[in-house]
Amino acid sequence: RPGGHLLLIEPATHLLNAELLTLRDAAAASGLFITAPCVPQGPCPARAEGVACHAATRWTPPPLTEQLTRAAFISKEAPAFSYLCLAAEGHADRPPAGALRVISERLTNKAGRERVVTCGADGKQSLSAPPGQGEAWRARWRQLSRGDGVVVEGAERRETGLGLTAGSVVTGWR
């Protein structure tokens, strides 16, 4: 109904995720606004590449669940799930210009440069930072995790995405 939202949540299996991304694209094409987790309102970059897109959250499992997963050698420190929140076009908050959603865990290359994969209006791209201390954005960078929204200003264009520099500004949203 007007002003309402529809929230879909499901386990992050490959088949269910693919179906959710197909539904996401159909909803966007029909004029619904994707309020989360997506920034792009056009076709989903993950779906176009045939890859999954999911979220994960840290949790403390109940003792019995922890015992069972440990006995079965299943790691569930951060259970994965897929979700989609839709709203009528006129009732949705728009992400700020340049908004990105972090869609990966933090990765570190051999040179010590850290990166996360993000998704935004330009599709999927890396956001990376050199090793070091002292930059004003460093504290916010260290806090970023999968699912976070971020706006980056003053980054340099790199081969695989954006690279933070001494003059960069990193702020969060949603």
N, C-alpha and C. Protein backbone atom coordinates (compact mmCIF):
# COMPACT_ATOMS: atom_id res chain seq x y z
N ARG A 1 0.85 -1.18 0.00
CA ARG A 1 0.00 0.00 0.00
C ARG A 1 0.89 1.24 0.00
N PRO A 2 0.36 2.41 -0.32
CA PRO A 2 1.20 3.61 -0.34
C PRO A 2 1.92 3.83 0.99
N GLY A 3 3.20 4.13 0.91
CA GLY A 3 4.00 4.36 2.11
C GLY A 3 4.55 3.10 2.73
N GLY A 4 4.15 1.94 2.23
CA GLY A 4 4.59 0.68 2.80
C GLY A 4 5.86 0.15 2.16
N HIS A 5 6.41 -0.85 2.78
CA HIS A 5 7.59 -1.54 2.28
C HIS A 5 7.32 -3.04 2.28
N LEU A 6 8.00 -3.74 1.39
CA LEU A 6 7.95 -5.19 1.36
C LEU A 6 9.37 -5.67 1.60
N LEU A 7 9.56 -6.53 2.61
CA LEU A 7 10.88 -7.06 2.95
C LEU A 7 10.86 -8.57 2.73
N LEU A 8 11.78 -9.04 1.90
CA LEU A 8 11.95 -10.47 1.63
C LEU A 8 13.29 -10.90 2.18
N ILE A 9 13.32 -11.99 2.93
CA ILE A 9 14.56 -12.52 3.49
C ILE A 9 14.56 -14.02 3.26
N GLU A 10 15.70 -14.55 2.80
CA GLU A 10 15.80 -15.99 2.55
C GLU A 10 17.23 -16.46 2.75
N PRO A 11 17.42 -17.77 2.93
CA PRO A 11 18.78 -18.29 3.06
C PRO A 11 19.57 -18.00 1.78
N ALA A 12 20.85 -17.81 1.91
CA ALA A 12 21.68 -17.46 0.75
C ALA A 12 22.14 -18.69 -0.02
N THR A 13 21.17 -19.48 -0.50
CA THR A 13 21.54 -20.57 -1.40
C THR A 13 21.66 -19.99 -2.79
N HIS A 14 22.45 -20.64 -3.65
CA HIS A 14 22.67 -20.08 -4.98
C HIS A 14 21.37 -19.98 -5.77
N LEU A 15 20.53 -21.01 -5.73
CA LEU A 15 19.28 -21.01 -6.48
C LEU A 15 18.32 -19.92 -5.98
N LEU A 16 18.10 -19.86 -4.66
CA LEU A 16 17.19 -18.86 -4.12
C LEU A 16 17.71 -17.45 -4.38
N ASN A 17 19.03 -17.26 -4.27
CA ASN A 17 19.60 -15.94 -4.52
C ASN A 17 19.39 -15.53 -5.97
N ALA A 18 19.60 -16.45 -6.90
CA ALA A 18 19.38 -16.14 -8.32
C ALA A 18 17.92 -15.75 -8.57
N GLU A 19 17.00 -16.46 -7.94
CA GLU A 19 15.58 -16.14 -8.10
C GLU A 19 15.25 -14.78 -7.49
N LEU A 20 15.85 -14.47 -6.34
CA LEU A 20 15.61 -13.17 -5.71
C LEU A 20 16.15 -12.04 -6.58
N LEU A 21 17.32 -12.22 -7.19
CA LEU A 21 17.89 -11.18 -8.05
C LEU A 21 17.04 -11.00 -9.31
N THR A 22 16.45 -12.08 -9.82
CA THR A 22 15.54 -11.98 -10.97
C THR A 22 14.30 -11.19 -10.56
N LEU A 23 13.74 -11.49 -9.39
CA LEU A 23 12.59 -10.75 -8.87
C LEU A 23 12.96 -9.29 -8.66
N ARG A 24 14.15 -9.03 -8.14
CA ARG A 24 14.64 -7.66 -7.91
C ARG A 24 14.62 -6.86 -9.20
N ASP A 25 15.16 -7.44 -10.28
CA ASP A 25 15.21 -6.74 -11.55
C ASP A 25 13.81 -6.49 -12.10
N ALA A 26 12.91 -7.46 -11.96
CA ALA A 26 11.52 -7.28 -12.42
C ALA A 26 10.82 -6.19 -11.62
N ALA A 27 11.05 -6.17 -10.31
CA ALA A 27 10.44 -5.14 -9.46
C ALA A 27 10.94 -3.75 -9.84
N ALA A 28 12.25 -3.62 -10.06
CA ALA A 28 12.82 -2.33 -10.45
C ALA A 28 12.26 -1.89 -11.80
N ALA A 29 12.14 -2.84 -12.74
CA ALA A 29 11.62 -2.52 -14.08
C ALA A 29 10.15 -2.09 -14.03
N SER A 30 9.42 -2.58 -13.01
CA SER A 30 8.00 -2.23 -12.90
C SER A 30 7.77 -0.90 -12.17
N GLY A 31 8.85 -0.27 -11.71
CA GLY A 31 8.72 1.03 -11.07
C GLY A 31 8.83 1.02 -9.56
N LEU A 32 9.01 -0.16 -8.95
CA LEU A 32 9.23 -0.19 -7.50
C LEU A 32 10.65 0.28 -7.22
N PHE A 33 10.85 0.84 -6.03
CA PHE A 33 12.16 1.34 -5.64
C PHE A 33 12.80 0.34 -4.69
N ILE A 34 14.05 0.00 -4.94
CA ILE A 34 14.79 -0.93 -4.08
C ILE A 34 15.46 -0.11 -2.99
N THR A 35 14.97 -0.23 -1.77
CA THR A 35 15.53 0.58 -0.68
C THR A 35 16.74 -0.09 -0.05
N ALA A 36 16.83 -1.41 -0.13
CA ALA A 36 17.99 -2.12 0.43
C ALA A 36 18.02 -3.52 -0.15
N PRO A 37 19.16 -4.11 -0.31
CA PRO A 37 20.48 -3.59 -0.01
C PRO A 37 21.07 -2.80 -1.16
N CYS A 38 20.36 -2.74 -2.28
CA CYS A 38 20.92 -2.23 -3.52
C CYS A 38 21.01 -0.71 -3.57
N VAL A 39 22.06 -0.23 -4.21
CA VAL A 39 22.17 1.17 -4.57
C VAL A 39 21.66 1.36 -5.99
N PRO A 40 22.13 0.54 -6.97
CA PRO A 40 21.64 0.71 -8.34
C PRO A 40 20.15 0.38 -8.45
N GLN A 41 19.44 1.15 -9.24
CA GLN A 41 18.03 0.90 -9.46
C GLN A 41 17.78 0.20 -10.79
N GLY A 42 18.81 0.09 -11.61
CA GLY A 42 18.70 -0.61 -12.89
C GLY A 42 18.98 -2.09 -12.69
N PRO A 43 19.34 -2.77 -13.77
CA PRO A 43 19.64 -4.20 -13.66
C PRO A 43 20.76 -4.48 -12.65
N CYS A 44 20.62 -5.57 -11.93
CA CYS A 44 21.58 -5.95 -10.89
C CYS A 44 22.91 -6.39 -11.52
N PRO A 45 24.03 -5.76 -11.13
CA PRO A 45 25.34 -6.16 -11.67
C PRO A 45 25.71 -7.60 -11.32
N ALA A 46 25.35 -8.07 -10.14
CA ALA A 46 25.66 -9.45 -9.75
C ALA A 46 24.91 -10.44 -10.63
N ARG A 47 23.64 -10.17 -10.85
CA ARG A 47 22.83 -11.06 -11.70
C ARG A 47 23.38 -11.09 -13.12
N ALA A 48 23.80 -9.92 -13.63
CA ALA A 48 24.36 -9.86 -14.98
C ALA A 48 25.63 -10.70 -15.10
N GLU A 49 26.38 -10.80 -13.99
CA GLU A 49 27.62 -11.59 -13.99
C GLU A 49 27.38 -13.05 -13.59
N GLY A 50 26.15 -13.38 -13.20
CA GLY A 50 25.84 -14.75 -12.81
C GLY A 50 26.42 -15.14 -11.45
N VAL A 51 26.64 -14.16 -10.59
CA VAL A 51 27.18 -14.45 -9.26
C VAL A 51 26.14 -14.12 -8.19
N ALA A 52 26.34 -14.68 -7.02
CA ALA A 52 25.43 -14.44 -5.91
C ALA A 52 25.72 -13.10 -5.25
N CYS A 53 24.72 -12.55 -4.61
CA CYS A 53 24.87 -11.34 -3.81
C CYS A 53 24.12 -11.60 -2.52
N HIS A 54 24.84 -11.60 -1.41
CA HIS A 54 24.18 -11.88 -0.14
C HIS A 54 24.81 -11.08 0.98
N ALA A 55 24.15 -11.07 2.10
CA ALA A 55 24.63 -10.40 3.31
C ALA A 55 25.01 -11.46 4.32
N ALA A 56 25.67 -11.04 5.37
CA ALA A 56 26.02 -11.95 6.46
C ALA A 56 26.03 -11.13 7.74
N THR A 57 25.78 -11.79 8.84
CA THR A 57 25.77 -11.09 10.11
C THR A 57 26.45 -11.94 11.18
N ARG A 58 27.18 -11.31 12.04
CA ARG A 58 27.79 -12.03 13.16
C ARG A 58 26.69 -12.36 14.16
N TRP A 59 26.84 -13.50 14.81
CA TRP A 59 25.86 -13.89 15.82
C TRP A 59 26.49 -14.81 16.83
N THR A 60 25.85 -14.93 17.95
CA THR A 60 26.26 -15.90 18.96
C THR A 60 25.18 -16.98 18.98
N PRO A 61 25.51 -18.15 18.44
CA PRO A 61 24.49 -19.20 18.36
C PRO A 61 24.16 -19.76 19.74
N PRO A 62 22.96 -20.32 19.87
CA PRO A 62 22.62 -21.00 21.12
C PRO A 62 23.60 -22.17 21.33
N PRO A 63 23.84 -22.58 22.57
CA PRO A 63 24.84 -23.62 22.85
C PRO A 63 24.65 -24.90 22.03
N LEU A 64 23.42 -25.39 21.90
CA LEU A 64 23.20 -26.63 21.16
C LEU A 64 23.56 -26.45 19.68
N THR A 65 23.18 -25.33 19.10
CA THR A 65 23.53 -25.05 17.69
C THR A 65 25.04 -24.99 17.53
N GLU A 66 25.72 -24.36 18.45
CA GLU A 66 27.18 -24.26 18.40
C GLU A 66 27.81 -25.66 18.48
N GLN A 67 27.32 -26.50 19.35
CA GLN A 67 27.85 -27.86 19.47
C GLN A 67 27.63 -28.66 18.18
N LEU A 68 26.43 -28.56 17.62
CA LEU A 68 26.12 -29.31 16.40
C LEU A 68 26.96 -28.84 15.22
N THR A 69 27.08 -27.53 15.05
CA THR A 69 27.86 -27.03 13.91
C THR A 69 29.34 -27.37 14.07
N ARG A 70 29.85 -27.32 15.29
CA ARG A 70 31.25 -27.69 15.52
C ARG A 70 31.45 -29.18 15.23
N ALA A 71 30.53 -30.03 15.67
CA ALA A 71 30.63 -31.47 15.44
C ALA A 71 30.54 -31.81 13.96
N ALA A 72 29.76 -31.02 13.21
CA ALA A 72 29.59 -31.26 11.77
C ALA A 72 30.62 -30.51 10.93
N PHE A 73 31.55 -29.81 11.60
CA PHE A 73 32.58 -29.01 10.91
C PHE A 73 31.96 -27.96 9.98
N ILE A 74 30.89 -27.33 10.46
CA ILE A 74 30.23 -26.26 9.72
C ILE A 74 30.53 -24.95 10.43
N SER A 75 31.08 -24.00 9.71
CA SER A 75 31.37 -22.70 10.29
C SER A 75 30.18 -21.78 10.06
N LYS A 76 29.57 -21.34 11.12
CA LYS A 76 28.44 -20.41 11.01
C LYS A 76 28.68 -19.20 11.90
N GLU A 77 29.91 -18.66 11.85
CA GLU A 77 30.19 -17.45 12.62
C GLU A 77 29.41 -16.27 12.07
N ALA A 78 29.17 -16.29 10.77
CA ALA A 78 28.44 -15.21 10.12
C ALA A 78 27.47 -15.82 9.10
N PRO A 79 26.27 -16.24 9.55
CA PRO A 79 25.33 -16.86 8.62
C PRO A 79 24.99 -15.92 7.46
N ALA A 80 24.92 -16.48 6.27
CA ALA A 80 24.62 -15.70 5.07
C ALA A 80 23.13 -15.76 4.77
N PHE A 81 22.62 -14.69 4.22
CA PHE A 81 21.22 -14.61 3.81
C PHE A 81 21.10 -13.60 2.69
N SER A 82 20.02 -13.69 1.96
CA SER A 82 19.71 -12.70 0.92
C SER A 82 18.49 -11.93 1.38
N TYR A 83 18.45 -10.65 1.04
CA TYR A 83 17.26 -9.88 1.38
C TYR A 83 17.02 -8.80 0.33
N LEU A 84 15.80 -8.33 0.31
CA LEU A 84 15.39 -7.30 -0.63
C LEU A 84 14.28 -6.51 0.01
N CYS A 85 14.42 -5.20 0.04
CA CYS A 85 13.38 -4.33 0.57
C CYS A 85 12.90 -3.41 -0.55
N LEU A 86 11.59 -3.45 -0.82
CA LEU A 86 10.99 -2.69 -1.92
C LEU A 86 10.02 -1.65 -1.37
N ALA A 87 9.88 -0.55 -2.08
CA ALA A 87 8.91 0.48 -1.72
C ALA A 87 8.36 1.10 -3.00
N ALA A 88 7.22 1.77 -2.86
CA ALA A 88 6.68 2.52 -4.00
C ALA A 88 7.66 3.64 -4.32
N GLU A 89 7.84 3.93 -5.59
CA GLU A 89 8.84 4.91 -6.05
C GLU A 89 8.77 6.23 -5.30
N GLY A 90 7.60 6.77 -5.09
CA GLY A 90 7.47 8.09 -4.48
C GLY A 90 7.72 8.14 -2.98
N HIS A 91 7.87 6.99 -2.33
CA HIS A 91 7.97 6.97 -0.88
C HIS A 91 9.32 6.52 -0.37
N ALA A 92 10.31 6.44 -1.23
CA ALA A 92 11.58 5.86 -0.83
C ALA A 92 12.66 6.93 -0.64
N ASP A 93 13.53 6.68 0.30
CA ASP A 93 14.71 7.53 0.47
C ASP A 93 15.74 7.14 -0.57
N ARG A 94 16.27 8.12 -1.24
CA ARG A 94 17.30 7.85 -2.24
C ARG A 94 18.67 7.85 -1.57
N PRO A 95 19.56 6.96 -2.00
CA PRO A 95 20.90 6.99 -1.46
C PRO A 95 21.61 8.27 -1.90
N PRO A 96 22.57 8.74 -1.11
CA PRO A 96 23.30 9.94 -1.52
C PRO A 96 24.10 9.69 -2.80
N ALA A 97 24.44 10.76 -3.50
CA ALA A 97 25.25 10.64 -4.72
C ALA A 97 26.56 9.94 -4.38
N GLY A 98 26.96 9.01 -5.21
CA GLY A 98 28.22 8.30 -5.00
C GLY A 98 28.15 7.18 -3.98
N ALA A 99 26.96 6.85 -3.50
CA ALA A 99 26.82 5.81 -2.48
C ALA A 99 27.26 4.45 -3.01
N LEU A 100 27.89 3.69 -2.13
CA LEU A 100 28.33 2.33 -2.43
C LEU A 100 27.87 1.41 -1.31
N ARG A 101 27.61 0.15 -1.63
CA ARG A 101 27.31 -0.86 -0.61
C ARG A 101 28.46 -1.85 -0.60
N VAL A 102 29.03 -2.14 0.57
CA VAL A 102 30.10 -3.13 0.70
C VAL A 102 29.47 -4.51 0.55
N ILE A 103 30.00 -5.31 -0.40
CA ILE A 103 29.40 -6.63 -0.67
C ILE A 103 30.40 -7.76 -0.49
N SER A 104 31.50 -7.50 0.20
CA SER A 104 32.48 -8.57 0.44
C SER A 104 33.10 -8.39 1.82
N GLU A 105 33.82 -9.41 2.21
CA GLU A 105 34.65 -9.29 3.40
C GLU A 105 35.90 -8.51 3.02
N ARG A 106 36.65 -8.08 3.99
CA ARG A 106 37.91 -7.35 3.76
C ARG A 106 38.96 -8.34 3.24
N LEU A 107 39.65 -7.94 2.20
CA LEU A 107 40.70 -8.75 1.59
C LEU A 107 42.01 -7.98 1.65
N THR A 108 43.14 -8.69 1.75
CA THR A 108 44.45 -8.05 1.80
C THR A 108 45.35 -8.68 0.75
N ASN A 109 46.02 -7.83 -0.06
CA ASN A 109 46.93 -8.39 -1.07
C ASN A 109 48.34 -8.53 -0.50
N LYS A 110 49.25 -9.05 -1.30
CA LYS A 110 50.62 -9.32 -0.84
C LYS A 110 51.35 -8.07 -0.39
N ALA A 111 51.02 -6.93 -0.98
CA ALA A 111 51.67 -5.66 -0.61
C ALA A 111 51.04 -5.04 0.64
N GLY A 112 50.01 -5.69 1.18
CA GLY A 112 49.36 -5.18 2.39
C GLY A 112 48.21 -4.23 2.11
N ARG A 113 47.88 -3.99 0.87
CA ARG A 113 46.77 -3.11 0.53
C ARG A 113 45.47 -3.86 0.81
N GLU A 114 44.58 -3.23 1.56
CA GLU A 114 43.29 -3.83 1.89
C GLU A 114 42.25 -3.37 0.88
N ARG A 115 41.27 -4.24 0.62
CA ARG A 115 40.18 -3.84 -0.27
C ARG A 115 38.90 -4.54 0.14
N VAL A 116 37.80 -3.91 -0.27
CA VAL A 116 36.48 -4.51 -0.19
C VAL A 116 35.85 -4.35 -1.57
N VAL A 117 34.95 -5.24 -1.92
CA VAL A 117 34.21 -5.10 -3.16
C VAL A 117 32.93 -4.35 -2.82
N THR A 118 32.60 -3.38 -3.67
CA THR A 118 31.40 -2.56 -3.45
C THR A 118 30.49 -2.65 -4.67
N CYS A 119 29.25 -2.23 -4.48
CA CYS A 119 28.30 -2.14 -5.58
C CYS A 119 27.63 -0.78 -5.48
N GLY A 120 27.57 -0.09 -6.60
CA GLY A 120 26.95 1.23 -6.63
C GLY A 120 26.38 1.51 -7.99
N ALA A 121 26.14 2.76 -8.28
CA ALA A 121 25.54 3.15 -9.56
C ALA A 121 26.39 2.70 -10.75
N ASP A 122 27.70 2.59 -10.56
CA ASP A 122 28.60 2.14 -11.63
C ASP A 122 28.82 0.64 -11.61
N GLY A 123 28.04 -0.10 -10.83
CA GLY A 123 28.19 -1.55 -10.75
C GLY A 123 29.19 -1.95 -9.68
N LYS A 124 29.74 -3.15 -9.82
CA LYS A 124 30.68 -3.67 -8.83
C LYS A 124 32.07 -3.09 -9.10
N GLN A 125 32.75 -2.73 -7.99
CA GLN A 125 34.13 -2.27 -8.10
C GLN A 125 34.81 -2.40 -6.75
N SER A 126 36.13 -2.45 -6.79
CA SER A 126 36.91 -2.52 -5.55
C SER A 126 37.06 -1.13 -4.95
N LEU A 127 37.14 -1.10 -3.64
CA LEU A 127 37.52 0.09 -2.90
C LEU A 127 38.70 -0.34 -2.05
N SER A 128 39.85 0.28 -2.26
CA SER A 128 41.06 -0.20 -1.58
C SER A 128 41.76 0.91 -0.82
N ALA A 129 42.58 0.49 0.13
CA ALA A 129 43.33 1.44 0.95
C ALA A 129 44.74 0.90 1.16
N PRO A 130 45.73 1.79 1.13
CA PRO A 130 47.10 1.36 1.39
C PRO A 130 47.28 1.06 2.87
N PRO A 131 48.28 0.25 3.21
CA PRO A 131 48.55 0.05 4.63
C PRO A 131 49.05 1.36 5.23
N GLY A 132 48.82 1.54 6.49
CA GLY A 132 49.32 2.76 7.12
C GLY A 132 48.41 3.24 8.22
N GLN A 133 48.75 4.40 8.73
CA GLN A 133 48.03 4.99 9.84
C GLN A 133 47.88 6.48 9.59
N GLY A 134 47.00 7.12 10.33
CA GLY A 134 46.98 8.56 10.38
C GLY A 134 45.98 9.28 9.50
N GLU A 135 45.55 8.70 8.40
CA GLU A 135 44.59 9.41 7.56
C GLU A 135 43.28 9.57 8.31
N ALA A 136 42.59 10.66 8.03
CA ALA A 136 41.33 10.94 8.72
C ALA A 136 40.28 9.85 8.46
N TRP A 137 40.32 9.22 7.30
CA TRP A 137 39.32 8.22 6.94
C TRP A 137 39.64 6.85 7.50
N ARG A 138 40.83 6.63 8.04
CA ARG A 138 41.29 5.30 8.44
C ARG A 138 40.35 4.62 9.45
N ALA A 139 39.87 5.34 10.46
CA ALA A 139 39.01 4.72 11.48
C ALA A 139 37.72 4.21 10.85
N ARG A 140 37.10 5.01 9.97
CA ARG A 140 35.86 4.57 9.31
C ARG A 140 36.15 3.38 8.40
N TRP A 141 37.28 3.40 7.71
CA TRP A 141 37.68 2.30 6.83
C TRP A 141 37.78 1.00 7.61
N ARG A 142 38.41 1.04 8.76
CA ARG A 142 38.60 -0.18 9.56
C ARG A 142 37.27 -0.74 10.07
N GLN A 143 36.24 0.09 10.16
CA GLN A 143 34.93 -0.36 10.64
C GLN A 143 34.07 -0.97 9.54
N LEU A 144 34.41 -0.74 8.28
CA LEU A 144 33.56 -1.23 7.19
C LEU A 144 33.47 -2.75 7.17
N SER A 145 32.26 -3.24 6.95
CA SER A 145 32.06 -4.68 6.79
C SER A 145 30.93 -4.90 5.79
N ARG A 146 30.78 -6.14 5.39
CA ARG A 146 29.76 -6.50 4.40
C ARG A 146 28.41 -5.92 4.80
N GLY A 147 27.74 -5.29 3.84
CA GLY A 147 26.42 -4.73 4.06
C GLY A 147 26.41 -3.24 4.37
N ASP A 148 27.55 -2.68 4.76
CA ASP A 148 27.61 -1.26 5.10
C ASP A 148 27.45 -0.38 3.87
N GLY A 149 26.80 0.76 4.06
CA GLY A 149 26.72 1.77 3.03
C GLY A 149 27.82 2.80 3.28
N VAL A 150 28.44 3.27 2.21
CA VAL A 150 29.54 4.21 2.35
C VAL A 150 29.53 5.19 1.19
N VAL A 151 29.95 6.41 1.46
CA VAL A 151 30.16 7.42 0.43
C VAL A 151 31.63 7.81 0.51
N VAL A 152 32.29 7.80 -0.64
CA VAL A 152 33.72 8.09 -0.71
C VAL A 152 33.93 9.30 -1.60
N GLU A 153 34.67 10.27 -1.09
CA GLU A 153 35.03 11.45 -1.88
C GLU A 153 36.55 11.53 -1.96
N GLY A 154 37.05 12.00 -3.06
CA GLY A 154 38.48 12.22 -3.21
C GLY A 154 39.31 10.95 -3.39
N ALA A 155 38.70 9.89 -3.88
CA ALA A 155 39.46 8.66 -4.14
C ALA A 155 40.04 8.73 -5.55
N GLU A 156 41.12 8.00 -5.75
CA GLU A 156 41.72 7.96 -7.09
C GLU A 156 41.16 6.76 -7.85
N ARG A 157 41.00 6.94 -9.16
CA ARG A 157 40.54 5.84 -10.01
C ARG A 157 41.72 4.90 -10.19
N ARG A 158 41.51 3.62 -9.91
CA ARG A 158 42.53 2.59 -10.06
C ARG A 158 42.05 1.58 -11.09
N GLU A 159 42.91 0.66 -11.45
CA GLU A 159 42.59 -0.32 -12.49
C GLU A 159 41.31 -1.09 -12.18
N THR A 160 41.11 -1.47 -10.92
CA THR A 160 39.95 -2.29 -10.56
C THR A 160 38.90 -1.55 -9.73
N GLY A 161 39.02 -0.25 -9.62
CA GLY A 161 38.03 0.48 -8.84
C GLY A 161 38.56 1.78 -8.30
N LEU A 162 38.34 2.01 -7.01
CA LEU A 162 38.73 3.25 -6.36
C LEU A 162 39.77 2.98 -5.30
N GLY A 163 40.74 3.89 -5.17
CA GLY A 163 41.76 3.78 -4.14
C GLY A 163 41.74 4.99 -3.23
N LEU A 164 41.72 4.75 -1.93
CA LEU A 164 41.73 5.85 -0.97
C LEU A 164 43.12 6.48 -0.93
N THR A 165 43.16 7.80 -0.75
CA THR A 165 44.41 8.55 -0.66
C THR A 165 44.36 9.43 0.59
N ALA A 166 45.43 10.14 0.85
CA ALA A 166 45.48 11.01 2.03
C ALA A 166 44.35 12.03 2.04
N GLY A 167 43.89 12.46 0.86
CA GLY A 167 42.84 13.47 0.79
C GLY A 167 41.42 12.91 0.71
N SER A 168 41.26 11.61 0.83
CA SER A 168 39.94 10.99 0.72
C SER A 168 39.08 11.27 1.96
N VAL A 169 37.79 11.22 1.76
CA VAL A 169 36.81 11.34 2.85
C VAL A 169 35.88 10.13 2.74
N VAL A 170 35.71 9.41 3.84
CA VAL A 170 34.86 8.22 3.88
C VAL A 170 33.78 8.42 4.93
N THR A 171 32.53 8.40 4.52
CA THR A 171 31.43 8.56 5.47
C THR A 171 30.45 7.41 5.26
N GLY A 172 29.70 7.08 6.28
CA GLY A 172 28.72 6.02 6.20
C GLY A 172 27.34 6.56 5.93
N TRP A 173 26.47 5.72 5.45
CA TRP A 173 25.05 6.02 5.32
C TRP A 173 24.30 4.72 5.52
N ARG A 174 23.12 4.83 6.07
CA ARG A 174 22.28 3.66 6.34
C ARG A 174 23.07 2.50 6.84
